């Protein structure tokens, strides 16, 4: 069945809590329903936004005169262990990502525990190639079933077709002509709409600690093995300390009910109370997560960085070697410190815990977030000759 919701706004559906009214909001709960909703919107020529958890989206304050589709399916299917201790796990695109991680960890599977607490859905995870704390989703994806909007058929995509890169995939690339330049044809929804994802995880009670900050929290060294449940708990605590989790209160509004498992919502609310000491909203969590991507620079650009700027080996879109630096470092060293706002009392500011998160302090509009983003981006470019690229999908918003 496909449910049509009335008087829904992007502010209701997104973690940052801004965005205008939506003309048509549909939540199909069958595979055919998802395909039909997408196909009918395309046939009618309506703008189409297939939304996951709304954590990587900044929508304009103006009405969206199109169709928004949110996959309501949440099934997870575990295969039998193979001789090499791998287990195929398939999940519907609409499954809450952290629910998927929690269930995988509960089954004693390694491969996604470092991605705990990332808001969003299974379907969105492969579009963005989410990553954190030494893991990224690309390392565990076996295949993706998707609806091809161009050829009007279902397809199965393997990692070679998906062309994963840093916060990038062939799915996401289909939306852009160039970085931050939306395509006229497929935007703000990729050509391929994810229907389900099959992951290949490893059976085992322990996982590898692959990130320094996480190792410090666990009191071990990078490369050490720890119980996957302990890794997950540590990741959630580290993310909470930086305000890089969603505000669990968002699941209390009717249009968000049943999007996430009730037990994990209650666990998240309890953890949030313990982290913040309050039962109220945590405005540091009212964000799109990391708003800017870490820049990957060529040799000439990297040579212009200050000597103490972070540098990591990376690969440029051309396939040539490059250097990745830290967007958070650039923002902070350009003078935009934690809590920065364009004016005293402004309704949008950088998080008081993390410079990469642009936050809604309770009454912001999309225009306020965009003004803050422009100010930070332009200031970094002026200071370091590096133009930061936004990570969220911008619907009706221009920076």
Protein backbone atom coordinates (compact mmCIF):
# COMPACT_ATOMS: atom_id res chain seq x y z
CA UNK A 1 0.00 0.00 0.00
CA UNK A 2 1.15 3.54 -0.71
CA UNK A 3 0.14 6.21 1.79
CA UNK A 4 -0.17 9.84 0.75
CA UNK A 5 0.43 12.32 3.56
CA UNK A 6 -0.99 15.82 3.65
CA UNK A 7 0.57 19.06 4.93
CA UNK A 8 4.06 17.59 5.19
CA UNK A 9 7.15 19.81 5.03
CA UNK A 10 10.82 19.08 4.50
CA UNK A 11 11.30 20.49 8.01
CA UNK A 12 9.31 17.49 9.28
CA UNK A 13 11.43 14.98 7.36
CA UNK A 14 14.99 16.26 7.77
CA UNK A 15 17.44 16.11 10.65
CA UNK A 16 18.23 19.81 10.31
CA UNK A 17 14.54 20.68 10.56
CA UNK A 18 14.20 23.25 7.78
CA UNK A 19 12.43 23.25 4.43
CA UNK A 20 9.09 24.19 2.93
CA UNK A 21 5.81 22.41 2.18
CA UNK A 22 5.75 19.36 -0.08
CA UNK A 23 3.08 19.04 -2.76
CA UNK A 24 2.88 15.22 -2.62
CA UNK A 25 4.54 12.98 -0.03
CA UNK A 26 4.22 9.22 -0.54
CA UNK A 27 5.35 6.29 1.62
CA UNK A 28 4.99 3.03 -0.36
CA UNK A 29 5.44 -0.15 1.66
CA UNK A 30 5.99 -2.60 -1.21
CA UNK A 31 8.71 -2.93 -3.83
CA UNK A 32 6.19 -2.45 -6.63
CA UNK A 33 4.78 0.55 -4.81
CA UNK A 34 8.17 2.25 -4.73
CA UNK A 35 8.71 1.62 -8.43
CA UNK A 36 5.22 2.83 -9.32
CA UNK A 37 5.60 6.03 -7.29
CA UNK A 38 8.88 6.86 -9.01
CA UNK A 39 7.67 5.88 -12.47
CA UNK A 40 4.44 7.88 -12.19
CA UNK A 41 6.23 11.01 -10.97
CA UNK A 42 8.69 10.76 -13.86
CA UNK A 43 5.92 10.14 -16.39
CA UNK A 44 4.06 13.21 -15.16
CA UNK A 45 7.21 15.33 -15.33
CA UNK A 46 7.12 16.23 -11.63
CA UNK A 47 10.31 17.03 -9.71
CA UNK A 48 11.14 13.91 -7.70
CA UNK A 49 12.93 13.58 -4.39
CA UNK A 50 13.42 10.06 -3.06
CA UNK A 51 14.28 10.67 0.57
CA UNK A 52 15.87 8.40 3.14
CA UNK A 53 16.34 9.61 6.69
CA UNK A 54 16.54 13.23 5.59
CA UNK A 55 20.00 13.60 7.12
CA UNK A 56 21.84 14.65 3.98
CA UNK A 57 19.36 17.12 2.56
CA UNK A 58 18.90 20.88 2.73
CA UNK A 59 15.64 21.97 1.12
CA UNK A 60 14.48 25.50 0.40
CA UNK A 61 11.83 27.32 2.40
CA UNK A 62 9.66 27.68 -0.73
CA UNK A 63 7.07 24.98 -1.51
CA UNK A 64 8.37 21.92 -3.35
CA UNK A 65 6.00 21.51 -6.29
CA UNK A 66 6.78 17.87 -6.85
CA UNK A 67 6.73 14.38 -5.37
CA UNK A 68 8.70 13.13 -2.38
CA UNK A 69 8.92 9.37 -1.94
CA UNK A 70 10.12 7.62 1.23
CA UNK A 71 10.43 3.84 1.06
CA UNK A 72 8.57 2.41 4.07
CA UNK A 73 10.02 -1.12 3.76
CA UNK A 74 12.40 -2.14 6.53
CA UNK A 75 13.07 -5.88 6.20
CA UNK A 76 16.53 -7.36 6.88
CA UNK A 77 17.33 -10.87 5.64
CA UNK A 78 20.33 -12.86 6.94
CA UNK A 79 21.83 -15.63 4.82
CA UNK A 80 23.65 -18.72 6.06
CA UNK A 81 27.36 -18.50 6.93
CA UNK A 82 29.66 -19.63 4.15
CA UNK A 83 32.88 -21.64 4.42
CA UNK A 84 34.92 -18.44 4.66
CA UNK A 85 32.68 -17.14 7.48
CA UNK A 86 31.04 -14.52 5.28
CA UNK A 87 27.32 -13.91 5.57
CA UNK A 88 25.17 -12.23 2.92
CA UNK A 89 22.75 -9.76 4.51
CA UNK A 90 20.08 -8.09 2.37
CA UNK A 91 18.06 -5.09 3.49
CA UNK A 92 15.31 -3.00 1.96
CA UNK A 93 16.33 0.48 0.93
CA UNK A 94 13.98 2.04 3.48
CA UNK A 95 15.53 0.25 6.45
CA UNK A 96 16.93 2.66 9.02
CA UNK A 97 20.72 2.46 8.74
CA UNK A 98 21.48 2.32 12.45
CA UNK A 99 18.79 -0.34 12.92
CA UNK A 100 20.63 -2.36 10.27
CA UNK A 101 23.96 -1.90 12.06
CA UNK A 102 22.45 -2.81 15.44
CA UNK A 103 20.88 -5.96 14.03
CA UNK A 104 24.10 -6.99 12.28
CA UNK A 105 26.12 -6.52 15.45
CA UNK A 106 23.51 -8.49 17.42
CA UNK A 107 24.03 -11.36 14.94
CA UNK A 108 27.77 -11.29 15.65
CA UNK A 109 28.74 -9.86 12.27
CA UNK A 110 31.69 -7.60 11.52
CA UNK A 111 31.93 -4.97 8.81
CA UNK A 112 29.64 -2.04 9.64
CA UNK A 113 30.06 -1.48 13.39
CA UNK A 114 32.21 1.62 12.78
CA UNK A 115 29.28 3.16 10.90
CA UNK A 116 27.02 3.09 13.97
CA UNK A 117 24.90 6.16 14.60
CA UNK A 118 24.99 7.57 11.07
CA UNK A 119 21.49 8.87 10.35
CA UNK A 120 19.72 7.75 7.19
CA UNK A 121 18.69 4.57 5.45
CA UNK A 122 20.27 1.55 3.83
CA UNK A 123 19.41 2.90 0.38
CA UNK A 124 21.02 6.27 1.05
CA UNK A 125 24.14 4.62 2.47
CA UNK A 126 25.27 3.37 -0.93
CA UNK A 127 24.39 6.58 -2.77
CA UNK A 128 26.64 8.57 -0.44
CA UNK A 129 29.14 5.79 0.32
CA UNK A 130 28.96 6.71 3.98
CA UNK A 131 32.08 6.28 6.04
CA UNK A 132 33.45 6.86 9.53
CA UNK A 133 36.01 5.58 12.02
CA UNK A 134 37.99 3.50 9.57
CA UNK A 135 35.11 1.92 7.67
CA UNK A 136 33.01 2.86 4.66
CA UNK A 137 30.01 1.13 3.21
CA UNK A 138 31.79 0.35 -0.08
CA UNK A 139 33.95 -2.25 1.67
CA UNK A 140 30.96 -4.44 2.50
CA UNK A 141 28.52 -3.98 -0.40
CA UNK A 142 28.06 -7.04 -2.62
CA UNK A 143 25.28 -5.75 -4.88
CA UNK A 144 22.50 -3.21 -5.20
CA UNK A 145 19.08 -3.74 -6.75
CA UNK A 146 17.80 -0.50 -8.27
CA UNK A 147 15.17 0.97 -10.54
CA UNK A 148 16.72 2.54 -13.64
CA UNK A 149 14.69 5.67 -14.32
CA UNK A 150 16.19 6.11 -17.78
CA UNK A 151 15.48 2.60 -19.10
CA UNK A 152 12.41 1.89 -16.90
CA UNK A 153 13.65 -1.46 -15.61
CA UNK A 154 15.19 -3.01 -12.53
CA UNK A 155 18.92 -3.63 -12.57
CA UNK A 156 21.49 -5.30 -10.34
CA UNK A 157 24.64 -3.28 -9.77
CA UNK A 158 27.86 -4.73 -8.39
CA UNK A 159 30.71 -2.69 -6.85
CA UNK A 160 32.37 -2.27 -10.23
CA UNK A 161 29.23 -0.61 -11.61
CA UNK A 162 28.80 1.48 -8.45
CA UNK A 163 32.26 3.09 -8.79
CA UNK A 164 32.58 4.00 -5.14
CA UNK A 165 34.83 6.88 -4.12
CA UNK A 166 35.15 9.24 -1.18
CA UNK A 167 31.51 10.13 -0.33
CA UNK A 168 30.69 9.26 -3.92
CA UNK A 169 29.16 6.56 -6.08
CA UNK A 170 27.93 6.24 -9.65
CA UNK A 171 24.44 6.74 -8.20
CA UNK A 172 25.30 10.10 -6.68
CA UNK A 173 27.41 11.10 -9.70
CA UNK A 174 24.34 10.77 -11.96
CA UNK A 175 22.84 13.78 -10.17
CA UNK A 176 25.69 16.18 -10.97
CA UNK A 177 27.40 17.55 -14.08
CA UNK A 178 30.32 18.65 -11.89
CA UNK A 179 30.90 18.99 -8.12
CA UNK A 180 27.99 20.98 -6.64
CA UNK A 181 26.49 21.51 -10.13
CA UNK A 182 23.17 19.63 -10.36
CA UNK A 183 22.27 17.77 -13.53
CA UNK A 184 19.25 19.00 -15.49
CA UNK A 185 18.03 15.42 -15.91
CA UNK A 186 18.50 13.51 -12.66
CA UNK A 187 18.30 15.80 -9.65
CA UNK A 188 17.62 15.68 -6.76
CA UNK A 189 17.18 11.91 -7.22
CA UNK A 190 19.75 9.68 -8.96
CA UNK A 191 19.06 7.86 -12.20
CA UNK A 192 19.12 4.61 -10.21
CA UNK A 193 16.71 4.46 -7.26
CA UNK A 194 17.91 1.90 -4.73
CA UNK A 195 15.42 -0.86 -3.91
CA UNK A 196 17.60 -3.14 -1.77
CA UNK A 197 21.24 -3.71 -0.86
CA UNK A 198 23.10 -6.95 -0.21
CA UNK A 199 26.11 -6.72 2.09
CA UNK A 200 28.81 -9.31 2.65
CA UNK A 201 29.70 -9.27 6.35
CA UNK A 202 32.02 -11.51 8.35
CA UNK A 203 30.95 -13.79 11.15
CA UNK A 204 32.97 -13.10 14.26
CA UNK A 205 32.59 -11.58 17.69
CA UNK A 206 35.41 -9.08 17.14
CA UNK A 207 36.14 -6.25 14.74
CA UNK A 208 39.25 -4.26 13.91
CA UNK A 209 39.65 -0.82 15.48
CA UNK A 210 40.64 1.22 12.45
CA UNK A 211 40.70 4.84 13.63
CA UNK A 212 42.84 6.68 16.17
CA UNK A 213 40.06 8.55 17.94
CA UNK A 214 38.10 5.33 18.34
CA UNK A 215 41.17 3.45 19.60
CA UNK A 216 41.71 6.15 22.22
CA UNK A 217 38.11 5.85 23.39
CA UNK A 218 38.52 2.09 23.74
CA UNK A 219 41.95 2.31 25.34
CA UNK A 220 43.59 0.19 22.63
CA UNK A 221 45.84 0.65 19.60
CA UNK A 222 44.76 1.10 15.99
CA UNK A 223 44.60 -2.35 14.44
CA UNK A 224 43.63 -4.11 17.66
CA UNK A 225 40.64 -6.42 17.70
CA UNK A 226 37.69 -5.71 20.01
CA UNK A 227 34.16 -7.11 20.42
CA UNK A 228 31.95 -5.59 17.71
CA UNK A 229 29.38 -4.59 20.35
CA UNK A 230 32.07 -2.66 22.25
CA UNK A 231 33.18 -0.94 19.04
CA UNK A 232 29.61 0.07 18.31
CA UNK A 233 29.09 1.44 21.82
CA UNK A 234 32.32 3.43 21.62
CA UNK A 235 31.42 4.88 18.23
CA UNK A 236 28.04 6.04 19.53
CA UNK A 237 29.68 7.70 22.55
CA UNK A 238 32.31 9.45 20.42
CA UNK A 239 29.66 10.69 18.00
CA UNK A 240 27.47 11.89 20.88
CA UNK A 241 30.37 13.86 22.37
CA UNK A 242 30.66 15.74 19.06
CA UNK A 243 26.91 16.17 18.56
CA UNK A 244 27.14 14.04 15.41
CA UNK A 245 24.02 11.97 16.05
CA UNK A 246 20.45 12.78 15.11
CA UNK A 247 18.09 14.17 17.75
CA UNK A 248 15.99 11.12 18.65
CA UNK A 249 13.03 13.34 19.51
CA UNK A 250 12.34 13.67 15.78
CA UNK A 251 10.69 10.24 15.85
CA UNK A 252 7.95 11.60 18.09
CA UNK A 253 6.12 13.43 15.31
CA UNK A 254 3.45 11.44 13.42
CA UNK A 255 5.09 11.53 9.99
CA UNK A 256 8.27 10.01 11.47
CA UNK A 257 6.53 7.28 13.47
CA UNK A 258 7.58 3.71 12.55
CA UNK A 259 10.58 4.94 10.52
CA UNK A 260 12.94 3.52 13.16
CA UNK A 261 12.47 0.53 15.46
CA UNK A 262 10.73 1.51 18.71
CA UNK A 263 13.38 -0.18 20.88
CA UNK A 264 16.26 1.62 19.19
CA UNK A 265 14.38 4.95 19.42
CA UNK A 266 13.98 4.45 23.18
CA UNK A 267 17.64 3.47 23.53
CA UNK A 268 18.67 6.58 21.57
CA UNK A 269 16.46 8.83 23.72
CA UNK A 270 17.96 7.39 26.89
CA UNK A 271 21.52 7.81 25.58
CA UNK A 272 20.72 11.38 24.54
CA UNK A 273 19.43 12.20 28.02
CA UNK A 274 22.61 10.80 29.53
CA UNK A 275 24.83 12.71 27.10
CA UNK A 276 23.08 16.08 27.37
CA UNK A 277 21.55 15.95 30.84
CA UNK A 278 18.24 17.07 29.37
CA UNK A 279 14.97 15.65 28.08
CA UNK A 280 14.71 18.49 25.58
CA UNK A 281 16.06 18.92 22.05
CA UNK A 282 19.79 19.02 21.41
CA UNK A 283 20.27 21.71 18.79
CA UNK A 284 23.83 20.58 18.08
CA UNK A 285 22.18 17.52 16.52
CA UNK A 286 19.85 19.59 14.32
CA UNK A 287 22.17 19.45 11.34
CA UNK A 288 22.99 17.64 8.12
CA UNK A 289 26.01 16.07 9.80
CA UNK A 290 29.25 17.09 8.11
CA UNK A 291 28.15 19.93 5.82
CA UNK A 292 31.33 20.11 3.74
CA UNK A 293 33.39 17.28 2.28
CA UNK A 294 37.09 16.98 3.03
CA UNK A 295 38.81 18.46 -0.05
CA UNK A 296 41.02 16.26 -2.21
CA UNK A 297 43.71 18.45 -3.74
CA UNK A 298 46.22 18.13 -6.55
CA UNK A 299 49.93 18.70 -5.88
CA UNK A 300 49.78 22.42 -6.68
CA UNK A 301 46.84 23.05 -4.36
CA UNK A 302 48.32 20.92 -1.59
CA UNK A 303 51.61 22.81 -1.77
CA UNK A 304 49.77 26.04 -0.91
CA UNK A 305 48.41 24.65 2.36
CA UNK A 306 50.03 25.76 5.62
CA UNK A 307 52.71 23.38 6.83
CA UNK A 308 50.60 22.22 9.79
CA UNK A 309 47.48 21.44 7.74
CA UNK A 310 46.45 17.77 7.86
CA UNK A 311 47.45 15.74 4.82
CA UNK A 312 46.37 12.23 3.86
CA UNK A 313 47.01 10.22 0.69
CA UNK A 314 43.95 10.18 -1.57
CA UNK A 315 42.85 9.68 -5.16
CA UNK A 316 41.59 12.52 -7.36
CA UNK A 317 38.44 12.03 -9.50
CA UNK A 318 40.80 11.63 -12.48
CA UNK A 319 42.40 8.62 -10.80
CA UNK A 320 45.65 10.48 -10.15
CA UNK A 321 47.21 10.59 -6.68
CA UNK A 322 46.06 13.50 -4.55
CA UNK A 323 46.09 14.84 -1.02
CA UNK A 324 43.07 14.94 1.25
CA UNK A 325 42.93 17.60 3.93
CA UNK A 326 40.48 18.31 6.72
CA UNK A 327 37.55 20.63 6.04
CA UNK A 328 37.07 21.05 9.79
CA UNK A 329 40.70 22.21 10.15
CA UNK A 330 40.34 24.67 7.27
CA UNK A 331 37.11 26.08 8.70
CA UNK A 332 38.56 26.52 12.18
CA UNK A 333 41.83 28.03 10.95
CA UNK A 334 39.96 30.43 8.68
CA UNK A 335 38.47 31.92 11.84
CA UNK A 336 35.15 30.07 12.01
CA UNK A 337 35.27 28.42 15.40
CA UNK A 338 32.74 26.21 17.15
CA UNK A 339 29.50 28.12 17.76
CA UNK A 340 30.23 30.73 15.05
CA UNK A 341 27.17 32.60 13.75
CA UNK A 342 26.93 35.37 11.18
CA UNK A 343 25.44 37.65 13.85
CA UNK A 344 24.74 37.50 17.55
CA UNK A 345 21.57 35.56 18.20
CA UNK A 346 21.34 34.25 14.64
CA UNK A 347 19.09 31.18 14.33
CA UNK A 348 21.82 29.16 12.59
CA UNK A 349 25.37 28.55 13.78
CA UNK A 350 28.23 26.11 13.66
CA UNK A 351 27.79 23.42 16.26
CA UNK A 352 29.26 24.30 19.65
CA UNK A 353 30.96 20.89 19.52
CA UNK A 354 32.12 20.47 15.90
CA UNK A 355 32.96 23.02 13.21
CA UNK A 356 31.78 20.79 10.34
CA UNK A 357 28.15 20.78 11.46
CA UNK A 358 25.91 23.72 10.51
CA UNK A 359 23.02 23.71 12.97
CA UNK A 360 19.48 24.97 13.33
CA UNK A 361 19.28 26.51 16.80
CA UNK A 362 15.51 26.05 16.89
CA UNK A 363 14.01 28.65 14.57
CA UNK A 364 16.27 28.68 11.51
CA UNK A 365 15.03 28.63 7.97
CA UNK A 366 16.86 27.19 5.00
CA UNK A 367 17.92 30.70 4.03
CA UNK A 368 19.71 31.08 7.37
CA UNK A 369 21.61 27.82 6.90
CA UNK A 370 22.54 28.82 3.35
CA UNK A 371 23.82 32.21 4.50
CA UNK A 372 26.02 30.54 7.11
CA UNK A 373 27.29 27.99 4.59
CA UNK A 374 28.19 30.70 2.06
CA UNK A 375 30.00 32.72 4.70
CA UNK A 376 32.10 29.75 5.81
CA UNK A 377 32.80 28.51 2.28
CA UNK A 378 33.86 31.94 1.03
CA UNK A 379 35.98 32.60 4.09
CA UNK A 380 37.86 29.33 3.69
CA UNK A 381 38.42 30.05 0.00
CA UNK A 382 39.76 33.49 0.79
CA UNK A 383 42.10 32.13 3.46
CA UNK A 384 43.40 29.00 1.72
CA UNK A 385 42.33 29.14 -1.95
CA UNK A 386 40.33 25.94 -1.41
CA UNK A 387 36.64 25.95 -2.30
CA UNK A 388 34.68 23.62 -0.04
CA UNK A 389 31.98 21.46 -1.64
CA UNK A 390 28.75 20.83 0.30
CA UNK A 391 27.99 17.25 1.19
CA UNK A 392 24.17 17.46 1.46
CA UNK A 393 21.84 17.45 -1.53
CA UNK A 394 20.60 21.02 -1.97
CA UNK A 395 16.98 21.14 -3.13
CA UNK A 396 16.03 24.63 -4.31
CA UNK A 397 18.97 26.10 -2.38
CA UNK A 398 21.89 27.90 -4.01
CA UNK A 399 25.08 28.67 -2.16
